[in-house]
C-alpha atoms as a PDB file:
ATOM      1  CA  UNK A   1       0.000   0.000   0.000  1.00  0.00           C
ATOM      2  CA  UNK A   2       2.830   2.407   0.793  1.00  0.00           C
ATOM      3  CA  UNK A   3       4.418   1.730  -2.563  1.00  0.00           C
ATOM      4  CA  UNK A   4       1.179   2.647  -4.370  1.00  0.00           C
ATOM      5  CA  UNK A   5       0.975   5.881  -2.344  1.00  0.00           C
ATOM      6  CA  UNK A   6       4.610   6.762  -3.099  1.00  0.00           C
ATOM      7  CA  UNK A   7       4.113   6.087  -6.833  1.00  0.00           C
ATOM      8  CA  UNK A   8       0.941   8.206  -6.903  1.00  0.00           C
ATOM      9  CA  UNK A   9       2.683  11.040  -5.051  1.00  0.00           C
ATOM     10  CA  UNK A  10       5.733  10.970  -7.339  1.00  0.00           C
ATOM     11  CA  UNK A  11       3.494  10.928 -10.429  1.00  0.00           C
ATOM     12  CA  UNK A  12       1.574  13.967  -9.181  1.00  0.00           C
ATOM     13  CA  UNK A  13       4.790  15.868  -8.470  1.00  0.00           C
ATOM     14  CA  UNK A  14       6.241  15.145 -11.929  1.00  0.00           C
ATOM     15  CA  UNK A  15       3.217  16.184 -13.990  1.00  0.00           C
ATOM     16  CA  UNK A  16       3.658  19.344 -16.068  1.00  0.00           C
ATOM     17  CA  UNK A  17       1.702  22.402 -15.041  1.00  0.00           C
ATOM     18  CA  UNK A  18      -1.814  22.617 -16.426  1.00  0.00           C
ATOM     19  CA  UNK A  19      -2.946  24.886 -19.235  1.00  0.00           C
ATOM     20  CA  UNK A  20      -4.700  27.053 -16.650  1.00  0.00           C
ATOM     21  CA  UNK A  21      -1.272  27.987 -15.268  1.00  0.00           C
ATOM     22  CA  UNK A  22      -0.306  29.316 -18.706  1.00  0.00           C
ATOM     23  CA  UNK A  23      -2.378  32.430 -17.966  1.00  0.00           C
ATOM     24  CA  UNK A  24       0.683  33.730 -16.104  1.00  0.00           C
ATOM     25  CA  UNK A  25       2.165  34.419 -19.560  1.00  0.00           C
ATOM     26  CA  UNK A  26      -0.904  36.223 -20.911  1.00  0.00           C
ATOM     27  CA  UNK A  27      -0.982  39.995 -21.000  1.00  0.00           C
ATOM     28  CA  UNK A  28       1.044  42.920 -22.312  1.00  0.00           C
ATOM     29  CA  UNK A  29       4.805  42.770 -21.732  1.00  0.00           C
ATOM     30  CA  UNK A  30       7.621  45.155 -22.566  1.00  0.00           C
ATOM     31  CA  UNK A  31      10.412  47.431 -21.495  1.00  0.00           C
ATOM     32  CA  UNK A  32       9.489  50.783 -19.938  1.00  0.00           C
ATOM     33  CA  UNK A  33       9.796  52.392 -23.410  1.00  0.00           C
ATOM     34  CA  UNK A  34       7.618  49.714 -25.050  1.00  0.00           C
ATOM     35  CA  UNK A  35       4.932  49.875 -22.358  1.00  0.00           C
ATOM     36  CA  UNK A  36       4.777  53.672 -22.724  1.00  0.00           C
ATOM     37  CA  UNK A  37       4.726  53.295 -26.533  1.00  0.00           C
ATOM     38  CA  UNK A  38       7.386  55.993 -26.844  1.00  0.00           C
ATOM     39  CA  UNK A  39       8.937  56.852 -30.209  1.00  0.00           C
ATOM     40  CA  UNK A  40      11.858  54.554 -31.068  1.00  0.00           C
ATOM     41  CA  UNK A  41      13.918  57.616 -32.077  1.00  0.00           C
ATOM     42  CA  UNK A  42      13.430  61.009 -30.420  1.00  0.00           C
ATOM     43  CA  UNK A  43      10.989  62.993 -32.545  1.00  0.00           C
ATOM     44  CA  UNK A  44      10.191  59.946 -34.667  1.00  0.00           C
ATOM     45  CA  UNK A  45       6.772  58.626 -35.600  1.00  0.00           C
ATOM     46  CA  UNK A  46       7.432  54.869 -35.187  1.00  0.00           C
ATOM     47  CA  UNK A  47       6.534  53.777 -31.677  1.00  0.00           C
ATOM     48  CA  UNK A  48       8.125  51.074 -29.536  1.00  0.00           C
ATOM     49  CA  UNK A  49       5.500  48.343 -29.141  1.00  0.00           C
ATOM     50  CA  UNK A  50       5.053  45.839 -26.309  1.00  0.00           C
ATOM     51  CA  UNK A  51       4.342  42.134 -26.816  1.00  0.00           C
ATOM     52  CA  UNK A  52       0.698  41.164 -26.313  1.00  0.00           C
ATOM     53  CA  UNK A  53       0.241  37.473 -25.501  1.00  0.00           C
ATOM     54  CA  UNK A  54      -3.074  35.612 -25.359  1.00  0.00           C
ATOM     55  CA  UNK A  55      -4.171  31.981 -25.490  1.00  0.00           C
ATOM     56  CA  UNK A  56      -3.931  31.892 -29.297  1.00  0.00           C
ATOM     57  CA  UNK A  57      -1.922  34.924 -30.419  1.00  0.00           C
ATOM     58  CA  UNK A  58       1.241  36.941 -29.882  1.00  0.00           C
ATOM     59  CA  UNK A  59       1.206  40.472 -31.272  1.00  0.00           C
ATOM     60  CA  UNK A  60       4.172  42.817 -31.504  1.00  0.00           C
ATOM     61  CA  UNK A  61       3.156  46.000 -33.286  1.00  0.00           C
ATOM     62  CA  UNK A  62       1.936  44.953 -36.727  1.00  0.00           C
ATOM     63  CA  UNK A  63       3.397  41.443 -36.443  1.00  0.00           C
ATOM     64  CA  UNK A  64       0.923  38.724 -35.482  1.00  0.00           C
ATOM     65  CA  UNK A  65       1.850  35.138 -34.589  1.00  0.00           C
ATOM     66  CA  UNK A  66      -0.590  32.241 -34.134  1.00  0.00           C
ATOM     67  CA  UNK A  67       0.524  30.183 -31.121  1.00  0.00           C
ATOM     68  CA  UNK A  68       0.304  26.438 -30.590  1.00  0.00           C
ATOM     69  CA  UNK A  69       1.406  25.903 -27.011  1.00  0.00           C
ATOM     70  CA  UNK A  70       3.608  23.109 -25.705  1.00  0.00           C
ATOM     71  CA  UNK A  71       3.649  21.690 -22.185  1.00  0.00           C
ATOM     72  CA  UNK A  72       4.433  23.788 -19.123  1.00  0.00           C
ATOM     73  CA  UNK A  73       7.360  23.180 -16.833  1.00  0.00           C
ATOM     74  CA  UNK A  74       7.810  24.499 -13.312  1.00  0.00           C
ATOM     75  CA  UNK A  75      11.325  25.765 -12.651  1.00  0.00           C
ATOM     76  CA  UNK A  76      12.972  27.181  -9.555  1.00  0.00           C
ATOM     77  CA  UNK A  77      11.615  30.714  -9.277  1.00  0.00           C
ATOM     78  CA  UNK A  78       9.295  30.493 -12.268  1.00  0.00           C
ATOM     79  CA  UNK A  79       7.773  28.736 -15.251  1.00  0.00           C
ATOM     80  CA  UNK A  80       8.842  27.673 -18.733  1.00  0.00           C
ATOM     81  CA  UNK A  81       6.739  26.875 -21.763  1.00  0.00           C
ATOM     82  CA  UNK A  82       7.236  26.827 -25.483  1.00  0.00           C
ATOM     83  CA  UNK A  83       5.045  27.547 -28.466  1.00  0.00           C
ATOM     84  CA  UNK A  84       5.137  26.936 -32.172  1.00  0.00           C
ATOM     85  CA  UNK A  85       4.568  30.406 -33.634  1.00  0.00           C
ATOM     86  CA  UNK A  86       3.307  30.952 -37.182  1.00  0.00           C
ATOM     87  CA  UNK A  87       4.023  34.603 -37.950  1.00  0.00           C
ATOM     88  CA  UNK A  88       3.184  36.836 -40.859  1.00  0.00           C
ATOM     89  CA  UNK A  89       0.406  37.465 -43.320  1.00  0.00           C
ATOM     90  CA  UNK A  90       1.285  37.046 -46.991  1.00  0.00           C
ATOM     91  CA  UNK A  91       4.198  34.750 -46.206  1.00  0.00           C
ATOM     92  CA  UNK A  92       3.892  32.747 -43.017  1.00  0.00           C
ATOM     93  CA  UNK A  93       7.134  31.870 -41.244  1.00  0.00           C
ATOM     94  CA  UNK A  94       7.321  29.263 -38.480  1.00  0.00           C
ATOM     95  CA  UNK A  95       9.304  29.893 -35.296  1.00  0.00           C
ATOM     96  CA  UNK A  96       9.972  27.980 -32.118  1.00  0.00           C
ATOM     97  CA  UNK A  97       9.382  30.307 -29.172  1.00  0.00           C
ATOM     98  CA  UNK A  98      10.502  29.639 -25.600  1.00  0.00           C
ATOM     99  CA  UNK A  99       8.872  31.672 -22.828  1.00  0.00           C
ATOM    100  CA  UNK A 100      10.658  31.902 -19.495  1.00  0.00           C
ATOM    101  CA  UNK A 101       8.908  33.570 -16.570  1.00  0.00           C
ATOM    102  CA  UNK A 102      11.195  34.177 -13.599  1.00  0.00           C
ATOM    103  CA  UNK A 103       9.548  36.174 -10.845  1.00  0.00           C
ATOM    104  CA  UNK A 104       8.116  39.227 -12.637  1.00  0.00           C
ATOM    105  CA  UNK A 105      10.464  38.984 -15.641  1.00  0.00           C
ATOM    106  CA  UNK A 106       9.486  37.404 -18.960  1.00  0.00           C
ATOM    107  CA  UNK A 107      12.065  36.424 -21.562  1.00  0.00           C
ATOM    108  CA  UNK A 108      11.134  35.372 -25.093  1.00  0.00           C
ATOM    109  CA  UNK A 109      13.692  33.169 -26.869  1.00  0.00           C
ATOM    110  CA  UNK A 110      13.196  32.701 -30.594  1.00  0.00           C
ATOM    111  CA  UNK A 111      14.690  29.806 -32.595  1.00  0.00           C
ATOM    112  CA  UNK A 112      17.172  32.144 -34.219  1.00  0.00           C
ATOM    113  CA  UNK A 113      19.688  33.855 -31.951  1.00  0.00           C
ATOM    114  CA  UNK A 114      17.294  36.542 -30.717  1.00  0.00           C
ATOM    115  CA  UNK A 115      16.018  37.021 -27.220  1.00  0.00           C
ATOM    116  CA  UNK A 116      13.605  39.681 -25.957  1.00  0.00           C
ATOM    117  CA  UNK A 117      13.758  40.507 -22.303  1.00  0.00           C
ATOM    118  CA  UNK A 118      13.649  40.689 -19.517  1.00  0.00           C
ATOM    119  CA  UNK A 119      10.234  42.205 -20.081  1.00  0.00           C
ATOM    120  CA  UNK A 120       7.883  43.495 -17.378  1.00  0.00           C
ATOM    121  CA  UNK A 121       4.103  43.353 -17.360  1.00  0.00           C
ATOM    122  CA  UNK A 122       2.740  46.667 -18.649  1.00  0.00           C
ATOM    123  CA  UNK A 123       0.176  48.381 -16.451  1.00  0.00           C
ATOM    124  CA  UNK A 124      -3.279  49.000 -17.888  1.00  0.00           C
ATOM    125  CA  UNK A 125      -3.591  52.351 -19.725  1.00  0.00           C
END
């Protein structure tokens, strides 16, 4: 009986986080400049844009990516998940996107050597 209890306990501890926990990644994320939507160059008309993440989409300015989420993983101090991102409009390009949430910091790691972050959650306007 103890062995069954130990196996059940170990199985429960090793399960990935549920999809409901993924909501920690949802919202609007950026640097202070992105959250304020300040001009990229002083006096310019192009604004810095934050990343907006939802259950199905990631938006960064005019770029939209359809997300297909992978499993969640609890890590010391945070969470990790990945998504297959299909980005673009006329020509769709696939990307592998890793999302690392450590405390209040979000880092986006794309499958090419680009990383965005650490990003903070933007306050509501």
